[in-house]
């Protein structure tokens, strides 16, 4: 009886040890649905790295399809939420909500609501910190380009317009030629 218990314990420990190894590769023949299911299985087993790998693979391989992109990104956000990486989760969910603001007809409707629900699952204090941090970063980005543009812009004396090519001079229309074309166009419109 002790041998059976010992063997069962060893099998359990070895299974736990091997299940902790992260997924390294996903076969090319897997569909997006199969890879998403794999990611959900890994997430259910708290193998967050493998789940994240699955969802990034779906986005890389099938992300040109808006519905699959949204599903893969949403699932990736859920991994971040489960790992308490609230800022990454918030960024993913708000990116998806922005997509819904611009392309609502192209995207599966359920994920908009799921993103809002997921954002509500971020602890309020963390959510306030994240919003403040992202807002400060956005303000710094809008101020920084103006400063770098001033430094990077050449002095007005250094900028010169290129001389027109000789062929270009022959193609330039005179004002009377343009007026004649306009009269012809308006005469054609009257027919």
N, C-alpha and C. Protein backbone atom coordinates (compact mmCIF):
# COMPACT_ATOMS: atom_id res chain seq x y z
N UNK A 1 0.82 -1.19 0.00
CA UNK A 1 0.00 0.00 0.00
C UNK A 1 0.86 1.26 0.00
N UNK A 2 1.99 1.22 0.76
CA UNK A 2 2.88 2.37 0.80
C UNK A 2 3.52 2.61 -0.56
N UNK A 3 3.79 1.50 -1.30
CA UNK A 3 4.38 1.65 -2.63
C UNK A 3 3.43 2.38 -3.56
N UNK A 4 2.17 2.05 -3.49
CA UNK A 4 1.17 2.68 -4.36
C UNK A 4 1.05 4.16 -4.05
N UNK A 5 1.03 4.51 -2.78
CA UNK A 5 0.94 5.92 -2.38
C UNK A 5 2.19 6.67 -2.82
N UNK A 6 3.36 6.05 -2.67
CA UNK A 6 4.61 6.68 -3.07
C UNK A 6 4.65 6.90 -4.58
N UNK A 7 4.24 5.91 -5.34
CA UNK A 7 4.21 6.03 -6.80
C UNK A 7 3.22 7.11 -7.23
N UNK A 8 2.05 7.12 -6.61
CA UNK A 8 1.05 8.14 -6.94
C UNK A 8 1.59 9.53 -6.62
N UNK A 9 2.28 9.67 -5.51
CA UNK A 9 2.86 10.97 -5.14
C UNK A 9 3.92 11.40 -6.14
N UNK A 10 4.77 10.46 -6.57
CA UNK A 10 5.80 10.78 -7.56
C UNK A 10 5.19 11.19 -8.90
N UNK A 11 4.16 10.50 -9.31
CA UNK A 11 3.49 10.84 -10.57
C UNK A 11 2.88 12.23 -10.48
N UNK A 12 2.25 12.52 -9.36
CA UNK A 12 1.64 13.84 -9.17
C UNK A 12 2.69 14.94 -9.19
N UNK A 13 3.79 14.73 -8.50
CA UNK A 13 4.86 15.73 -8.46
C UNK A 13 5.47 15.93 -9.84
N UNK A 14 5.72 14.83 -10.55
CA UNK A 14 6.32 14.96 -11.88
C UNK A 14 5.35 15.62 -12.85
N UNK A 15 4.07 15.33 -12.75
CA UNK A 15 3.09 15.99 -13.61
C UNK A 15 3.05 17.48 -13.33
N UNK A 16 3.10 17.85 -12.07
CA UNK A 16 3.11 19.27 -11.71
C UNK A 16 4.37 19.95 -12.23
N UNK A 17 5.50 19.26 -12.16
CA UNK A 17 6.76 19.82 -12.62
C UNK A 17 6.74 20.05 -14.12
N UNK A 18 6.26 19.08 -14.89
CA UNK A 18 6.26 19.21 -16.33
C UNK A 18 5.17 20.15 -16.83
N UNK A 19 4.11 20.32 -16.09
CA UNK A 19 3.05 21.23 -16.52
C UNK A 19 3.47 22.69 -16.35
N UNK A 20 4.49 22.94 -15.56
CA UNK A 20 4.96 24.30 -15.34
C UNK A 20 5.86 24.79 -16.46
N UNK A 21 6.33 23.89 -17.31
CA UNK A 21 7.18 24.34 -18.41
C UNK A 21 6.33 25.09 -19.41
N UNK A 22 6.87 26.17 -19.92
CA UNK A 22 6.13 27.03 -20.84
C UNK A 22 6.12 26.46 -22.24
N UNK A 23 5.07 26.78 -22.94
CA UNK A 23 4.91 26.38 -24.33
C UNK A 23 5.93 27.15 -25.17
N UNK A 24 6.61 26.47 -26.06
CA UNK A 24 7.65 27.09 -26.87
C UNK A 24 7.25 27.29 -28.32
N UNK A 25 6.37 26.43 -28.81
CA UNK A 25 6.02 26.47 -30.22
C UNK A 25 4.60 25.97 -30.43
N UNK A 26 3.94 26.55 -31.42
CA UNK A 26 2.59 26.10 -31.78
C UNK A 26 2.65 25.68 -33.24
N UNK A 27 2.21 24.48 -33.55
CA UNK A 27 2.26 24.01 -34.94
C UNK A 27 1.53 24.97 -35.89
N UNK A 28 2.08 25.12 -37.07
CA UNK A 28 1.53 26.03 -38.08
C UNK A 28 0.13 25.63 -38.54
N UNK A 29 -0.22 24.36 -38.43
CA UNK A 29 -1.51 23.90 -38.94
C UNK A 29 -2.68 24.16 -37.99
N UNK A 30 -2.41 24.70 -36.81
CA UNK A 30 -3.48 24.99 -35.85
C UNK A 30 -4.29 26.20 -36.31
N UNK A 31 -5.60 26.12 -36.16
CA UNK A 31 -6.47 27.24 -36.49
C UNK A 31 -6.47 28.25 -35.35
N UNK A 32 -7.01 29.41 -35.62
CA UNK A 32 -7.10 30.43 -34.57
C UNK A 32 -7.95 29.92 -33.40
N UNK A 33 -9.05 29.24 -33.70
CA UNK A 33 -9.92 28.72 -32.64
C UNK A 33 -9.19 27.68 -31.78
N UNK A 34 -8.38 26.85 -32.42
CA UNK A 34 -7.63 25.84 -31.67
C UNK A 34 -6.59 26.49 -30.76
N UNK A 35 -5.91 27.51 -31.28
CA UNK A 35 -4.88 28.18 -30.48
C UNK A 35 -5.52 28.95 -29.33
N UNK A 36 -6.65 29.59 -29.59
CA UNK A 36 -7.35 30.30 -28.51
C UNK A 36 -7.80 29.31 -27.44
N UNK A 37 -8.29 28.16 -27.85
CA UNK A 37 -8.69 27.13 -26.89
C UNK A 37 -7.49 26.65 -26.08
N UNK A 38 -6.35 26.48 -26.74
CA UNK A 38 -5.13 26.11 -26.02
C UNK A 38 -4.79 27.17 -24.97
N UNK A 39 -4.89 28.44 -25.37
CA UNK A 39 -4.60 29.53 -24.43
C UNK A 39 -5.55 29.52 -23.25
N UNK A 40 -6.82 29.26 -23.52
CA UNK A 40 -7.79 29.20 -22.42
C UNK A 40 -7.49 28.04 -21.48
N UNK A 41 -7.05 26.92 -22.05
CA UNK A 41 -6.68 25.78 -21.20
C UNK A 41 -5.47 26.13 -20.34
N UNK A 42 -4.48 26.76 -20.93
CA UNK A 42 -3.30 27.16 -20.15
C UNK A 42 -3.66 28.18 -19.08
N UNK A 43 -4.52 29.12 -19.43
CA UNK A 43 -4.95 30.12 -18.46
C UNK A 43 -5.69 29.45 -17.30
N UNK A 44 -6.54 28.48 -17.62
CA UNK A 44 -7.27 27.74 -16.59
C UNK A 44 -6.35 26.96 -15.65
N UNK A 45 -5.18 26.59 -16.16
CA UNK A 45 -4.20 25.87 -15.35
C UNK A 45 -3.15 26.81 -14.76
N UNK A 46 -3.38 28.09 -14.84
CA UNK A 46 -2.49 29.13 -14.32
C UNK A 46 -1.10 29.10 -14.97
N UNK A 47 -1.02 28.62 -16.20
CA UNK A 47 0.23 28.68 -16.97
C UNK A 47 0.13 29.93 -17.85
N UNK A 48 0.39 31.06 -17.21
CA UNK A 48 0.16 32.35 -17.85
C UNK A 48 1.10 32.61 -19.03
N UNK A 49 2.34 32.18 -18.92
CA UNK A 49 3.29 32.40 -20.02
C UNK A 49 2.84 31.66 -21.28
N UNK A 50 2.39 30.44 -21.12
CA UNK A 50 1.93 29.68 -22.29
C UNK A 50 0.65 30.28 -22.85
N UNK A 51 -0.25 30.71 -21.98
CA UNK A 51 -1.48 31.35 -22.46
C UNK A 51 -1.15 32.62 -23.23
N UNK A 52 -0.26 33.41 -22.68
CA UNK A 52 0.16 34.65 -23.35
C UNK A 52 0.80 34.34 -24.71
N UNK A 53 1.62 33.31 -24.74
CA UNK A 53 2.25 32.88 -25.99
C UNK A 53 1.18 32.49 -27.03
N UNK A 54 0.17 31.76 -26.60
CA UNK A 54 -0.92 31.36 -27.51
C UNK A 54 -1.63 32.57 -28.10
N UNK A 55 -1.99 33.52 -27.25
CA UNK A 55 -2.75 34.68 -27.73
C UNK A 55 -1.90 35.59 -28.61
N UNK A 56 -0.63 35.74 -28.28
CA UNK A 56 0.25 36.53 -29.16
C UNK A 56 0.43 35.83 -30.51
N UNK A 57 0.47 34.50 -30.50
CA UNK A 57 0.57 33.75 -31.74
C UNK A 57 -0.68 33.94 -32.59
N UNK A 58 -1.85 33.91 -31.97
CA UNK A 58 -3.10 34.13 -32.70
C UNK A 58 -3.09 35.52 -33.34
N UNK A 59 -2.66 36.52 -32.58
CA UNK A 59 -2.64 37.88 -33.10
C UNK A 59 -1.65 37.99 -34.26
N UNK A 60 -0.48 37.37 -34.10
CA UNK A 60 0.53 37.42 -35.16
C UNK A 60 0.08 36.71 -36.43
N UNK A 61 -0.49 35.53 -36.27
CA UNK A 61 -0.86 34.72 -37.44
C UNK A 61 -2.17 35.13 -38.08
N UNK A 62 -3.14 35.51 -37.27
CA UNK A 62 -4.49 35.73 -37.79
C UNK A 62 -5.02 37.13 -37.52
N UNK A 63 -4.17 38.03 -37.06
CA UNK A 63 -4.61 39.36 -36.64
C UNK A 63 -5.14 40.26 -37.74
N UNK A 64 -4.95 39.86 -39.00
CA UNK A 64 -5.50 40.69 -40.08
C UNK A 64 -7.02 40.56 -40.15
N UNK A 65 -7.57 39.54 -39.54
CA UNK A 65 -9.02 39.39 -39.42
C UNK A 65 -9.45 40.15 -38.16
N UNK A 66 -10.24 41.21 -38.31
CA UNK A 66 -10.60 42.04 -37.14
C UNK A 66 -11.25 41.26 -36.00
N UNK A 67 -12.10 40.31 -36.30
CA UNK A 67 -12.78 39.54 -35.25
C UNK A 67 -11.79 38.69 -34.46
N UNK A 68 -10.85 38.07 -35.16
CA UNK A 68 -9.86 37.24 -34.48
C UNK A 68 -8.89 38.12 -33.69
N UNK A 69 -8.52 39.26 -34.26
CA UNK A 69 -7.64 40.19 -33.56
C UNK A 69 -8.26 40.61 -32.22
N UNK A 70 -9.53 40.99 -32.27
CA UNK A 70 -10.22 41.43 -31.05
C UNK A 70 -10.29 40.30 -30.03
N UNK A 71 -10.61 39.11 -30.48
CA UNK A 71 -10.70 37.97 -29.56
C UNK A 71 -9.34 37.67 -28.94
N UNK A 72 -8.30 37.63 -29.76
CA UNK A 72 -6.95 37.35 -29.25
C UNK A 72 -6.47 38.41 -28.28
N UNK A 73 -6.71 39.68 -28.61
CA UNK A 73 -6.30 40.78 -27.73
C UNK A 73 -7.07 40.74 -26.42
N UNK A 74 -8.37 40.49 -26.51
CA UNK A 74 -9.19 40.41 -25.30
C UNK A 74 -8.66 39.31 -24.38
N UNK A 75 -8.41 38.14 -24.95
CA UNK A 75 -7.90 37.02 -24.15
C UNK A 75 -6.54 37.35 -23.55
N UNK A 76 -5.70 38.06 -24.30
CA UNK A 76 -4.41 38.49 -23.78
C UNK A 76 -4.60 39.44 -22.59
N UNK A 77 -5.56 40.33 -22.70
CA UNK A 77 -5.89 41.22 -21.59
C UNK A 77 -6.34 40.45 -20.36
N UNK A 78 -7.09 39.38 -20.58
CA UNK A 78 -7.53 38.55 -19.45
C UNK A 78 -6.34 37.87 -18.76
N UNK A 79 -5.32 37.49 -19.54
CA UNK A 79 -4.11 36.91 -18.94
C UNK A 79 -3.44 37.96 -18.06
N UNK A 80 -3.31 39.18 -18.56
CA UNK A 80 -2.70 40.25 -17.77
C UNK A 80 -3.50 40.52 -16.51
N UNK A 81 -4.81 40.48 -16.63
CA UNK A 81 -5.66 40.70 -15.47
C UNK A 81 -5.45 39.59 -14.43
N UNK A 82 -5.38 38.36 -14.89
CA UNK A 82 -5.17 37.23 -13.97
C UNK A 82 -3.81 37.31 -13.28
N UNK A 83 -2.82 37.88 -13.97
CA UNK A 83 -1.46 38.00 -13.41
C UNK A 83 -1.31 39.28 -12.58
N UNK A 84 -2.37 40.03 -12.46
CA UNK A 84 -2.36 41.31 -11.73
C UNK A 84 -1.45 42.34 -12.40
N UNK A 85 -1.30 42.21 -13.71
CA UNK A 85 -0.59 43.21 -14.50
C UNK A 85 -1.66 44.18 -15.02
N UNK A 86 -2.14 44.98 -14.09
CA UNK A 86 -3.32 45.79 -14.37
C UNK A 86 -3.09 46.84 -15.44
N UNK A 87 -1.92 47.43 -15.48
CA UNK A 87 -1.68 48.46 -16.49
C UNK A 87 -1.71 47.86 -17.89
N UNK A 88 -1.05 46.73 -18.07
CA UNK A 88 -1.07 46.07 -19.38
C UNK A 88 -2.50 45.68 -19.76
N UNK A 89 -3.24 45.16 -18.80
CA UNK A 89 -4.62 44.77 -19.07
C UNK A 89 -5.45 45.99 -19.47
N UNK A 90 -5.31 47.07 -18.73
CA UNK A 90 -6.05 48.30 -19.02
C UNK A 90 -5.73 48.81 -20.42
N UNK A 91 -4.45 48.81 -20.77
CA UNK A 91 -4.04 49.29 -22.10
C UNK A 91 -4.68 48.43 -23.19
N UNK A 92 -4.69 47.12 -23.02
CA UNK A 92 -5.29 46.23 -24.01
C UNK A 92 -6.79 46.49 -24.13
N UNK A 93 -7.47 46.55 -23.00
CA UNK A 93 -8.93 46.73 -23.04
C UNK A 93 -9.32 48.10 -23.60
N UNK A 94 -8.59 49.14 -23.25
CA UNK A 94 -8.93 50.47 -23.79
C UNK A 94 -8.58 50.56 -25.28
N UNK A 95 -7.54 49.85 -25.71
CA UNK A 95 -7.24 49.81 -27.15
C UNK A 95 -8.41 49.20 -27.90
N UNK A 96 -8.94 48.12 -27.37
CA UNK A 96 -10.08 47.47 -28.02
C UNK A 96 -11.31 48.37 -28.00
N UNK A 97 -11.55 49.04 -26.89
CA UNK A 97 -12.69 49.97 -26.84
C UNK A 97 -12.54 51.10 -27.84
N UNK A 98 -11.31 51.57 -28.04
CA UNK A 98 -11.07 52.60 -29.06
C UNK A 98 -11.38 52.06 -30.46
N UNK A 99 -11.04 50.81 -30.71
CA UNK A 99 -11.38 50.20 -32.00
C UNK A 99 -12.89 50.17 -32.20
N UNK A 100 -13.63 49.86 -31.12
CA UNK A 100 -15.09 49.84 -31.21
C UNK A 100 -15.64 51.24 -31.49
N UNK A 101 -14.98 52.26 -31.01
CA UNK A 101 -15.43 53.63 -31.29
C UNK A 101 -15.27 53.97 -32.77
N UNK A 102 -14.26 53.40 -33.42
CA UNK A 102 -13.98 53.74 -34.81
C UNK A 102 -14.55 52.75 -35.82
N UNK A 103 -14.65 51.48 -35.45
CA UNK A 103 -15.09 50.44 -36.39
C UNK A 103 -16.13 49.52 -35.77
N UNK A 104 -17.24 50.03 -35.26
CA UNK A 104 -18.18 49.17 -34.53
C UNK A 104 -18.81 48.07 -35.38
N UNK A 105 -19.05 48.32 -36.66
CA UNK A 105 -19.72 47.33 -37.49
C UNK A 105 -18.82 46.16 -37.86
N UNK A 106 -17.51 46.35 -37.79
CA UNK A 106 -16.57 45.31 -38.21
C UNK A 106 -16.22 44.33 -37.09
N UNK A 107 -16.58 44.65 -35.86
CA UNK A 107 -16.09 43.88 -34.72
C UNK A 107 -17.23 43.14 -34.01
N UNK A 108 -16.91 41.97 -33.43
CA UNK A 108 -17.94 41.23 -32.69
C UNK A 108 -18.37 42.02 -31.45
N UNK A 109 -19.66 42.24 -31.32
CA UNK A 109 -20.19 43.12 -30.29
C UNK A 109 -19.93 42.71 -28.85
N UNK A 110 -19.85 41.44 -28.58
CA UNK A 110 -19.73 40.97 -27.19
C UNK A 110 -18.46 41.48 -26.51
N UNK A 111 -17.38 41.62 -27.26
CA UNK A 111 -16.11 41.97 -26.63
C UNK A 111 -16.07 43.40 -26.11
N UNK A 112 -16.89 44.27 -26.65
CA UNK A 112 -16.95 45.63 -26.11
C UNK A 112 -17.46 45.59 -24.67
N UNK A 113 -18.52 44.85 -24.47
CA UNK A 113 -19.08 44.72 -23.12
C UNK A 113 -18.11 43.98 -22.20
N UNK A 114 -17.48 42.92 -22.72
CA UNK A 114 -16.52 42.16 -21.91
C UNK A 114 -15.31 43.01 -21.51
N UNK A 115 -14.88 43.89 -22.40
CA UNK A 115 -13.76 44.79 -22.06
C UNK A 115 -14.16 45.73 -20.92
N UNK A 116 -15.36 46.27 -21.00
CA UNK A 116 -15.83 47.15 -19.92
C UNK A 116 -15.94 46.39 -18.60
N UNK A 117 -16.42 45.17 -18.65
CA UNK A 117 -16.52 44.35 -17.44
C UNK A 117 -15.12 44.07 -16.89
N UNK A 118 -14.19 43.75 -17.77
CA UNK A 118 -12.82 43.45 -17.34
C UNK A 118 -12.16 44.66 -16.71
N UNK A 119 -12.37 45.83 -17.28
CA UNK A 119 -11.80 47.05 -16.69
C UNK A 119 -12.38 47.27 -15.29
N UNK A 120 -13.66 46.95 -15.13
CA UNK A 120 -14.28 47.13 -13.81
C UNK A 120 -13.72 46.15 -12.77
N UNK A 121 -13.03 45.12 -13.22
CA UNK A 121 -12.44 44.15 -12.30
C UNK A 121 -11.05 44.59 -11.80
N UNK A 122 -10.52 45.65 -12.37
CA UNK A 122 -9.25 46.19 -11.88
C UNK A 122 -9.56 46.96 -10.60
N UNK A 123 -8.81 46.72 -9.53
CA UNK A 123 -9.08 47.45 -8.28
C UNK A 123 -9.08 48.96 -8.52
N UNK A 124 -10.06 49.64 -7.92
CA UNK A 124 -10.27 51.06 -8.17
C UNK A 124 -9.02 51.90 -7.94
N UNK A 125 -8.30 51.65 -6.87
CA UNK A 125 -7.10 52.43 -6.58
C UNK A 125 -6.04 52.25 -7.67
N UNK A 126 -5.90 51.01 -8.15
CA UNK A 126 -4.96 50.73 -9.25
C UNK A 126 -5.41 51.41 -10.53
N UNK A 127 -6.71 51.37 -10.77
CA UNK A 127 -7.26 51.99 -11.97
C UNK A 127 -6.99 53.49 -11.98
N UNK A 128 -7.17 54.14 -10.85
CA UNK A 128 -6.88 55.58 -10.75
C UNK A 128 -5.40 55.86 -10.99
N UNK A 129 -4.53 55.03 -10.41
CA UNK A 129 -3.09 55.20 -10.60
C UNK A 129 -2.71 55.02 -12.08
N UNK A 130 -3.27 54.02 -12.71
CA UNK A 130 -2.97 53.73 -14.11
C UNK A 130 -3.42 54.89 -15.00
N UNK A 131 -4.64 55.37 -14.78
CA UNK A 131 -5.16 56.48 -15.58
C UNK A 131 -4.30 57.73 -15.41
N UNK A 132 -3.90 58.01 -14.17
CA UNK A 132 -3.06 59.18 -13.92
C UNK A 132 -1.70 59.03 -14.61
N UNK A 133 -1.11 57.86 -14.52
CA UNK A 133 0.19 57.61 -15.15
C UNK A 133 0.11 57.74 -16.66
N UNK A 134 -0.90 57.13 -17.27
CA UNK A 134 -1.05 57.18 -18.72
C UNK A 134 -1.34 58.60 -19.20
N UNK A 135 -2.12 59.33 -18.43
CA UNK A 135 -2.41 60.71 -18.78
C UNK A 135 -1.14 61.56 -18.73
N UNK A 136 -0.33 61.36 -17.68
CA UNK A 136 0.93 62.11 -17.56
C UNK A 136 1.86 61.76 -18.72
N UNK A 137 1.93 60.48 -19.08
CA UNK A 137 2.77 60.08 -20.21
C UNK A 137 2.28 60.69 -21.50
N UNK A 138 0.98 60.75 -21.69
CA UNK A 138 0.42 61.35 -22.90
C UNK A 138 0.74 62.84 -22.96
N UNK A 139 0.66 63.51 -21.82
CA UNK A 139 0.99 64.94 -21.78
C UNK A 139 2.46 65.16 -22.09
N UNK A 140 3.32 64.30 -21.59
CA UNK A 140 4.75 64.43 -21.86
C UNK A 140 5.05 64.20 -23.33
N UNK A 141 4.34 63.28 -23.97
CA UNK A 141 4.56 62.99 -25.39
C UNK A 141 4.13 64.16 -26.25
N UNK A 142 3.05 64.84 -25.87
CA UNK A 142 2.59 65.97 -26.69
C UNK A 142 3.50 67.17 -26.53
N UNK A 143 4.14 67.31 -25.38
CA UNK A 143 5.07 68.42 -25.16
C UNK A 143 6.43 68.11 -25.76
N UNK A 144 6.87 66.89 -25.72
CA UNK A 144 8.21 66.52 -26.17
C UNK A 144 8.43 66.73 -27.66
N UNK A 145 7.49 66.37 -28.57
CA UNK A 145 7.76 66.57 -29.99
C UNK A 145 7.98 68.03 -30.35
N UNK A 146 7.28 68.95 -29.71
CA UNK A 146 7.47 70.36 -30.02
C UNK A 146 8.89 70.79 -29.70
N UNK A 147 9.43 70.32 -28.59
CA UNK A 147 10.79 70.66 -28.21
C UNK A 147 11.79 70.03 -29.16
N UNK A 148 11.59 68.79 -29.55
CA UNK A 148 12.54 68.14 -30.45
C UNK A 148 12.43 68.69 -31.86
N UNK A 149 11.23 69.11 -32.28
CA UNK A 149 11.10 69.70 -33.60
C UNK A 149 11.87 71.00 -33.69
N UNK A 150 11.84 71.79 -32.62
CA UNK A 150 12.56 73.05 -32.63
C UNK A 150 14.06 72.80 -32.75
N UNK A 151 14.56 71.78 -32.13
CA UNK A 151 15.98 71.46 -32.20
C UNK A 151 16.32 70.86 -33.56
N UNK A 152 15.47 70.00 -34.08
CA UNK A 152 15.77 69.26 -35.29
C UNK A 152 15.53 70.07 -36.55
N UNK A 153 14.73 71.11 -36.50
CA UNK A 153 14.41 71.87 -37.71
C UNK A 153 15.62 72.66 -38.17
N UNK A 154 15.94 72.63 -39.47
CA UNK A 154 17.08 73.39 -39.96
C UNK A 154 16.76 74.88 -39.95
N UNK A 155 17.78 75.67 -39.91
CA UNK A 155 17.61 77.11 -39.94
C UNK A 155 17.04 77.52 -41.28
N UNK A 156 16.21 78.57 -41.34
CA UNK A 156 15.59 78.96 -42.60
C UNK A 156 16.58 79.22 -43.73
N UNK A 157 17.76 79.74 -43.44
CA UNK A 157 18.74 80.03 -44.48
C UNK A 157 19.26 78.76 -45.12
N UNK A 158 19.19 77.63 -44.41
CA UNK A 158 19.71 76.38 -44.94
C UNK A 158 18.72 75.70 -45.89
N UNK A 159 17.47 76.06 -45.83
CA UNK A 159 16.45 75.42 -46.65
C UNK A 159 16.35 76.17 -47.97
N UNK A 160 16.44 75.44 -49.07
CA UNK A 160 16.28 76.08 -50.38
C UNK A 160 15.38 75.22 -51.23
N UNK A 161 14.59 75.85 -52.05
CA UNK A 161 13.68 75.11 -52.90
C UNK A 161 14.45 74.56 -54.09
N UNK A 162 14.15 73.36 -54.51
CA UNK A 162 14.85 72.80 -55.66
C UNK A 162 14.43 73.53 -56.93
N UNK A 163 15.38 73.65 -57.84
CA UNK A 163 15.08 74.31 -59.12
C UNK A 163 14.18 73.41 -59.93
N UNK A 164 13.18 73.99 -60.62
CA UNK A 164 12.28 73.15 -61.41
C UNK A 164 13.04 72.51 -62.57
N UNK A 165 12.64 71.31 -62.92
CA UNK A 165 13.25 70.60 -64.03
C UNK A 165 12.88 71.30 -65.32
N UNK A 166 13.75 71.28 -66.33
CA UNK A 166 13.43 71.97 -67.60
C UNK A 166 12.15 71.45 -68.22
N UNK A 167 11.88 70.15 -68.14
CA UNK A 167 10.65 69.61 -68.72
C UNK A 167 9.41 70.17 -68.02
N UNK A 168 9.53 70.43 -66.73
CA UNK A 168 8.39 70.91 -65.96
C UNK A 168 7.95 72.27 -66.44
N UNK A 169 8.88 73.12 -66.90
CA UNK A 169 8.53 74.45 -67.38
C UNK A 169 7.65 74.36 -68.61
N UNK A 170 7.91 73.40 -69.48
CA UNK A 170 7.12 73.26 -70.70
C UNK A 170 5.70 72.80 -70.39
N UNK A 171 5.51 72.08 -69.29
CA UNK A 171 4.20 71.55 -68.96
C UNK A 171 3.33 72.52 -68.17
N UNK A 172 3.88 73.61 -67.68
CA UNK A 172 3.13 74.55 -66.88
C UNK A 172 2.12 75.26 -67.76
N UNK A 173 0.87 75.25 -67.33
CA UNK A 173 -0.20 75.87 -68.10
C UNK A 173 -0.33 77.33 -67.73
N UNK A 174 -0.68 78.15 -68.69
CA UNK A 174 -0.91 79.56 -68.42
C UNK A 174 -2.32 79.73 -67.90
N UNK A 175 -2.59 80.91 -67.35
CA UNK A 175 -3.93 81.18 -66.83
C UNK A 175 -4.98 81.11 -67.93
N UNK A 176 -4.65 81.54 -69.13
CA UNK A 176 -5.64 81.51 -70.22
C UNK A 176 -5.93 80.08 -70.64
N UNK A 177 -4.90 79.20 -70.60
CA UNK A 177 -5.15 77.80 -70.93
C UNK A 177 -6.07 77.15 -69.90
N UNK A 178 -5.86 77.47 -68.63
CA UNK A 178 -6.69 76.92 -67.56
C UNK A 178 -8.12 77.42 -67.72
N UNK A 179 -8.30 78.70 -68.04
CA UNK A 179 -9.65 79.25 -68.22
C UNK A 179 -10.35 78.57 -69.39
N UNK A 180 -9.62 78.28 -70.45
CA UNK A 180 -10.22 77.63 -71.62
C UNK A 180 -10.69 76.23 -71.25
N UNK A 181 -9.90 75.50 -70.46
CA UNK A 181 -10.30 74.16 -70.04
C UNK A 181 -11.52 74.23 -69.15
N UNK A 182 -11.55 75.23 -68.24
CA UNK A 182 -12.70 75.38 -67.36
C UNK A 182 -13.96 75.68 -68.14
N UNK A 183 -13.86 76.53 -69.20
CA UNK A 183 -15.03 76.85 -70.03
C UNK A 183 -15.53 75.61 -70.75
N UNK A 184 -14.58 74.78 -71.24
CA UNK A 184 -14.96 73.55 -71.95
C UNK A 184 -15.68 72.61 -71.01
N UNK A 185 -15.17 72.47 -69.78
CA UNK A 185 -15.78 71.58 -68.80
C UNK A 185 -17.17 72.06 -68.47
N UNK A 186 -17.34 73.37 -68.24
CA UNK A 186 -18.67 73.88 -67.86
C UNK A 186 -19.63 73.76 -69.04
N UNK A 187 -19.13 73.90 -70.28
CA UNK A 187 -19.98 73.74 -71.45
C UNK A 187 -20.44 72.29 -71.57
N UNK A 188 -19.54 71.32 -71.27
CA UNK A 188 -19.89 69.91 -71.31
C UNK A 188 -20.93 69.56 -70.27
N UNK A 189 -20.87 70.23 -69.12
CA UNK A 189 -21.83 69.95 -68.05
C UNK A 189 -23.24 70.40 -68.42
N UNK A 190 -23.34 71.40 -69.30
CA UNK A 190 -24.66 71.90 -69.70
C UNK A 190 -25.38 70.95 -70.63
N UNK A 191 -24.69 70.03 -71.29
CA UNK A 191 -25.33 69.07 -72.20
C UNK A 191 -26.10 68.09 -71.48
